Amino acid sequence: MFGYGVPWGTSLAPQLAHALGGDAEGLAAAVPTWGPTEYVRALDDLAPVYRPRVVVFVANAANDWFETSVDNTLRTVARDGWAERLTLPHTTPRWFPGRSYVMGRSHLVLAARELFAHAAEPTAPPAEMAARLLSELPRIGRPPGIRRSRMTPHLLAAADLCRRLGCRVVAVALPLDVQVHPGEWAKYRTAPQDLRATERLLTDFVDDARDAGIPAVDLLGPLRAASPGAFLPDDYHLSPAGHRAAARAIAAAIDASPTEATP
């Protein structure tokens, strides 16, 4: 949703504004490393300032189901302006005057980091997210309480905020690339696995949303229709074509939903 790896004009926010037409504007409020808890906090901060008419709440199968109860401060740390997973080994960097500015804002440093990342992983990115979805499905697919999805409490919290501020929420379920099209396995150089059982994470989230009176979109179908090519060729993020397909599906849900916030 942030638009990682694609030009700004082809990412979701401007594509969605274009699909809605008229004077629609899109604010990209997605931040790398944030999860469901941070989504609600961001809405609490931003909605009173920007007064959106519609808030698009996206549940990402790649990681959101694992992060529903883990605060980002326990997952991520910032070093020289870069986000890093806390699980990664690191050493204390040597300080010098202007280090944070040079290391965090230099395009040369960015290029060097990308080069080192590719050199450290010369063959193919790991298919760890798909494997994790399969292995942890019994845990993440059975939330406590009466809801089908462990994402639902965060969605309902966002809807409650919007209700008080006069906006409305549209729920969106974003699948993993290898859930969408078997050809996506080629980038991981891994034998395809049957992920059909994991699709219920998406459908449960959408069903919970609709039960609560919240319009919802499962992007599995629209992204399959846009495949192959809905995801970047070297990782699981959406390609421009994927952003465009997602924007059209979300715009249709917005257009079909009530114009007033549901009580």
Protein backbone atom coordinates (compact mmCIF):
# COMPACT_ATOMS: atom_id res chain seq x y z
CA MET A 1 0.00 0.00 0.00
CA PHE A 2 2.99 2.28 0.58
CA GLY A 3 4.01 1.75 -3.04
CA TYR A 4 7.34 0.03 -2.42
CA GLY A 5 9.36 -0.43 -5.59
CA VAL A 6 7.08 1.49 -7.98
CA PRO A 7 6.92 5.15 -9.11
CA TRP A 8 4.61 7.29 -6.96
CA GLY A 9 2.16 7.93 -9.79
CA THR A 10 1.55 4.19 -10.25
CA SER A 11 1.03 3.43 -6.53
CA LEU A 12 -2.34 2.93 -4.88
CA ALA A 13 -3.16 6.40 -3.52
CA PRO A 14 -2.98 8.30 -6.85
CA GLN A 15 -4.39 5.31 -8.75
CA LEU A 16 -7.38 5.19 -6.39
CA ALA A 17 -7.99 8.93 -6.73
CA HIS A 18 -7.91 8.52 -10.51
CA ALA A 19 -10.31 5.56 -10.39
CA LEU A 20 -12.76 7.52 -8.23
CA GLY A 21 -12.64 10.50 -10.59
CA GLY A 22 -13.92 13.99 -9.94
CA ASP A 23 -12.05 15.91 -7.28
CA ALA A 24 -10.99 12.82 -5.33
CA GLU A 25 -7.62 12.95 -3.59
CA GLY A 26 -5.74 10.05 -2.02
CA LEU A 27 -3.57 10.30 1.09
CA ALA A 28 -1.02 7.49 1.44
CA ALA A 29 -0.96 6.85 5.17
CA ALA A 30 0.84 3.49 4.94
CA VAL A 31 4.25 3.32 6.63
CA PRO A 32 6.74 0.45 6.17
CA THR A 33 6.95 -1.89 9.20
CA TRP A 34 3.62 -0.71 10.68
CA GLY A 35 0.98 -3.28 11.58
CA PRO A 36 -2.70 -3.27 12.62
CA THR A 37 -2.11 -1.57 15.97
CA GLU A 38 -0.22 1.26 14.27
CA TYR A 39 -2.95 1.60 11.60
CA VAL A 40 -5.47 2.60 14.26
CA ARG A 41 -3.00 4.99 15.89
CA ALA A 42 -2.27 6.60 12.52
CA LEU A 43 -5.98 7.07 11.88
CA ASP A 44 -6.41 8.60 15.33
CA ASP A 45 -3.63 11.09 14.51
CA LEU A 46 -4.45 11.85 10.88
CA ALA A 47 -8.24 11.78 10.58
CA PRO A 48 -8.89 14.84 12.79
CA VAL A 49 -6.38 16.77 10.67
CA TYR A 50 -7.30 15.70 7.13
CA ARG A 51 -10.99 14.81 7.70
CA PRO A 52 -11.14 12.03 5.10
CA ARG A 53 -14.46 10.94 3.65
CA VAL A 54 -13.28 7.34 3.32
CA VAL A 55 -10.59 5.35 5.09
CA VAL A 56 -9.25 2.23 3.37
CA PHE A 57 -8.18 -0.31 5.99
CA VAL A 58 -5.96 -2.95 4.36
CA ALA A 59 -5.21 -6.31 5.98
CA ASN A 60 -2.03 -7.68 4.36
CA ALA A 61 -1.64 -11.47 4.41
CA ALA A 62 2.13 -11.12 4.18
CA ASN A 63 2.51 -10.05 7.81
CA ASP A 64 -0.52 -8.37 9.40
CA TRP A 65 -1.99 -11.53 10.90
CA PHE A 66 1.26 -12.10 12.79
CA GLU A 67 1.42 -8.52 14.07
CA THR A 68 -2.07 -8.07 15.49
CA SER A 69 -0.88 -8.25 19.09
CA VAL A 70 2.81 -7.26 18.77
CA ASP A 71 3.61 -3.57 19.02
CA ASN A 72 6.02 -2.27 16.39
CA THR A 73 8.49 -1.23 19.10
CA LEU A 74 8.98 -4.94 19.71
CA ARG A 75 9.48 -5.71 16.00
CA THR A 76 11.46 -2.84 14.54
CA VAL A 77 14.25 -0.43 15.42
CA ALA A 78 15.50 2.67 13.57
CA ARG A 79 19.21 2.93 12.79
CA ASP A 80 20.51 5.95 10.89
CA GLY A 81 17.01 6.61 9.64
CA TRP A 82 16.54 3.03 8.34
CA ALA A 83 14.03 0.55 9.70
CA GLU A 84 15.51 -2.82 10.69
CA ARG A 85 13.95 -5.88 12.24
CA LEU A 86 14.98 -6.38 15.83
CA THR A 87 15.77 -10.01 15.04
CA LEU A 88 18.62 -9.01 12.69
CA PRO A 89 22.15 -9.08 14.13
CA HIS A 90 23.75 -5.67 14.38
CA THR A 91 26.72 -3.84 15.81
CA THR A 92 26.90 -0.38 17.35
CA PRO A 93 27.73 2.02 14.48
CA ARG A 94 30.77 4.27 14.71
CA TRP A 95 29.68 7.89 15.26
CA PHE A 96 30.95 10.84 13.27
CA PRO A 97 29.59 14.39 12.78
CA GLY A 98 26.52 14.40 10.54
CA ARG A 99 26.28 10.59 10.54
CA SER A 100 22.46 10.45 10.79
CA TYR A 101 22.02 12.91 7.93
CA VAL A 102 24.58 11.27 5.64
CA MET A 103 23.57 7.66 6.35
CA GLY A 104 19.84 8.34 6.38
CA ARG A 105 19.42 10.80 3.49
CA SER A 106 22.15 10.00 0.98
CA HIS A 107 21.08 8.36 -2.28
CA LEU A 108 24.60 6.98 -2.57
CA VAL A 109 24.15 5.19 0.76
CA LEU A 110 20.76 3.90 -0.45
CA ALA A 111 22.36 2.51 -3.61
CA ALA A 112 25.17 0.90 -1.58
CA ARG A 113 22.71 -0.71 0.83
CA GLU A 114 20.69 -2.14 -2.06
CA LEU A 115 23.87 -3.48 -3.68
CA PHE A 116 24.98 -5.15 -0.44
CA ALA A 117 21.50 -6.61 0.09
CA HIS A 118 21.52 -8.21 -3.37
CA ALA A 119 25.07 -9.46 -2.87
CA ALA A 120 24.09 -11.08 0.42
CA GLU A 121 21.15 -12.83 -1.27
CA PRO A 122 22.36 -13.57 -4.81
CA THR A 123 19.98 -16.37 -5.73
CA ALA A 124 16.38 -15.64 -4.79
CA PRO A 125 14.34 -14.11 -1.96
CA PRO A 126 13.06 -16.65 0.55
CA ALA A 127 9.47 -17.86 0.41
CA GLU A 128 9.35 -17.58 4.20
CA MET A 129 6.04 -15.72 4.34
CA ALA A 130 4.14 -18.45 2.52
CA ALA A 131 5.73 -21.13 4.69
CA ARG A 132 4.89 -19.17 7.81
CA LEU A 133 1.26 -18.72 6.75
CA LEU A 134 0.93 -22.46 6.32
CA SER A 135 2.72 -23.46 9.49
CA GLU A 136 0.97 -20.95 11.75
CA LEU A 137 -2.49 -21.12 10.18
CA PRO A 138 -3.94 -23.09 13.13
CA ARG A 139 -2.88 -20.28 15.47
CA ILE A 140 -3.56 -17.15 13.44
CA GLY A 141 -6.75 -18.56 11.95
CA ARG A 142 -8.47 -19.07 15.31
CA PRO A 143 -8.80 -15.79 17.18
CA PRO A 144 -10.20 -15.60 20.68
CA GLY A 145 -13.81 -14.48 21.01
CA ILE A 146 -16.68 -14.63 18.57
CA ARG A 147 -14.98 -13.08 15.54
CA ARG A 148 -13.69 -15.09 12.62
CA SER A 149 -10.55 -12.99 12.09
CA ARG A 150 -7.92 -11.71 14.50
CA MET A 151 -7.77 -8.56 12.33
CA THR A 152 -11.38 -7.64 13.08
CA PRO A 153 -10.87 -5.83 16.44
CA HIS A 154 -8.48 -3.40 14.74
CA LEU A 155 -10.90 -2.85 11.87
CA LEU A 156 -13.75 -2.19 14.31
CA ALA A 157 -11.56 0.24 16.26
CA ALA A 158 -10.89 2.13 13.02
CA ALA A 159 -14.59 2.12 12.17
CA ASP A 160 -15.43 3.48 15.62
CA LEU A 161 -12.95 6.33 15.18
CA CYS A 162 -14.39 7.12 11.77
CA ARG A 163 -17.93 7.04 13.11
CA ARG A 164 -17.08 9.78 15.58
CA LEU A 165 -15.31 11.85 12.92
CA GLY A 166 -17.87 11.47 10.14
CA CYS A 167 -15.86 9.26 7.80
CA ARG A 168 -16.50 5.68 6.71
CA VAL A 169 -14.24 2.65 6.43
CA VAL A 170 -13.80 0.20 3.58
CA ALA A 171 -12.04 -3.05 4.50
CA VAL A 172 -9.60 -4.61 2.04
CA ALA A 173 -7.96 -8.04 2.18
CA LEU A 174 -4.60 -8.12 0.36
CA PRO A 175 -3.31 -11.62 -0.51
CA LEU A 176 0.27 -12.81 -0.74
CA ASP A 177 1.65 -13.04 -4.28
CA VAL A 178 1.86 -16.84 -4.27
CA GLN A 179 -1.77 -17.05 -3.12
CA VAL A 180 -2.73 -15.17 -6.27
CA HIS A 181 -0.87 -16.92 -9.06
CA PRO A 182 1.30 -20.07 -9.16
CA GLY A 183 3.73 -18.36 -11.49
CA GLU A 184 4.85 -16.15 -8.60
CA TRP A 185 6.69 -19.13 -7.09
CA ALA A 186 9.32 -18.87 -9.83
CA LYS A 187 10.90 -15.77 -8.25
CA TYR A 188 11.57 -17.77 -5.06
CA ARG A 189 12.99 -20.77 -6.95
CA THR A 190 10.85 -22.96 -4.73
CA ALA A 191 8.44 -25.73 -5.60
CA PRO A 192 4.83 -24.44 -5.50
CA GLN A 193 2.80 -25.27 -2.41
CA ASP A 194 -0.95 -25.55 -2.01
CA LEU A 195 -2.01 -22.39 -0.17
CA ARG A 196 -5.77 -22.70 -0.65
CA ALA A 197 -6.28 -23.30 3.08
CA THR A 198 -4.72 -19.91 3.85
CA GLU A 199 -7.28 -18.08 1.72
CA ARG A 200 -9.77 -18.31 4.55
CA LEU A 201 -7.76 -15.65 6.38
CA LEU A 202 -8.92 -13.25 3.67
CA THR A 203 -12.51 -14.46 3.49
CA ASP A 204 -12.92 -14.50 7.28
CA PHE A 205 -11.76 -10.89 7.49
CA VAL A 206 -14.11 -9.83 4.69
CA ASP A 207 -17.05 -11.74 6.20
CA ASP A 208 -16.47 -10.16 9.62
CA ALA A 209 -16.38 -6.71 8.03
CA ARG A 210 -19.63 -7.25 6.17
CA ASP A 211 -21.29 -8.64 9.28
CA ALA A 212 -20.39 -5.34 10.98
CA GLY A 213 -21.89 -3.33 8.13
CA ILE A 214 -18.49 -2.34 6.70
CA PRO A 215 -18.01 -2.60 2.91
CA ALA A 216 -15.22 -5.05 2.14
CA VAL A 217 -13.12 -6.17 -0.81
CA ASP A 218 -11.13 -9.37 -1.23
CA LEU A 219 -8.38 -8.51 -3.73
CA LEU A 220 -7.68 -12.16 -4.52
CA GLY A 221 -10.03 -12.13 -7.53
CA PRO A 222 -9.03 -8.74 -9.00
CA LEU A 223 -5.31 -9.53 -8.66
CA ARG A 224 -5.76 -12.94 -10.24
CA ALA A 225 -7.48 -11.24 -13.17
CA ALA A 226 -4.46 -8.92 -13.46
CA SER A 227 -1.95 -11.80 -13.27
CA PRO A 228 0.66 -12.69 -14.27
CA GLY A 229 2.31 -9.39 -13.56
CA ALA A 230 0.31 -8.10 -10.58
CA PHE A 231 3.42 -8.29 -8.36
CA LEU A 232 7.00 -7.17 -8.73
CA PRO A 233 9.28 -9.75 -10.38
CA ASP A 234 11.72 -9.92 -7.46
CA ASP A 235 9.56 -9.70 -4.32
CA TYR A 236 6.00 -9.88 -3.01
CA HIS A 237 5.02 -6.19 -3.37
CA LEU A 238 2.44 -5.05 -5.92
CA SER A 239 3.53 -3.93 -9.38
CA PRO A 240 1.96 -0.91 -11.11
CA ALA A 241 -0.54 -3.29 -12.71
CA GLY A 242 -1.36 -4.73 -9.29
CA HIS A 243 -1.86 -1.27 -7.78
CA ARG A 244 -4.14 -0.36 -10.69
CA ALA A 245 -6.25 -3.52 -10.28
CA ALA A 246 -6.50 -2.95 -6.52
CA ALA A 247 -7.47 0.70 -7.01
CA ARG A 248 -10.28 -0.19 -9.40
CA ALA A 249 -11.70 -2.83 -7.07
CA ILE A 250 -11.53 -0.52 -4.04
CA ALA A 251 -13.06 2.38 -5.99
CA ALA A 252 -15.99 0.15 -7.00
CA ALA A 253 -16.58 -0.74 -3.33
CA ILE A 254 -16.44 2.92 -2.32
CA ASP A 255 -18.87 3.94 -5.05
CA ALA A 256 -21.27 1.16 -4.06
CA SER A 257 -21.20 1.92 -0.32
CA PRO A 258 -23.35 4.50 1.51
CA THR A 259 -22.17 8.09 1.40
CA GLU A 260 -22.86 8.62 5.12
CA ALA A 261 -21.09 6.92 7.98
CA THR A 262 -23.08 3.92 9.20
CA PRO A 263 -24.35 4.38 12.80
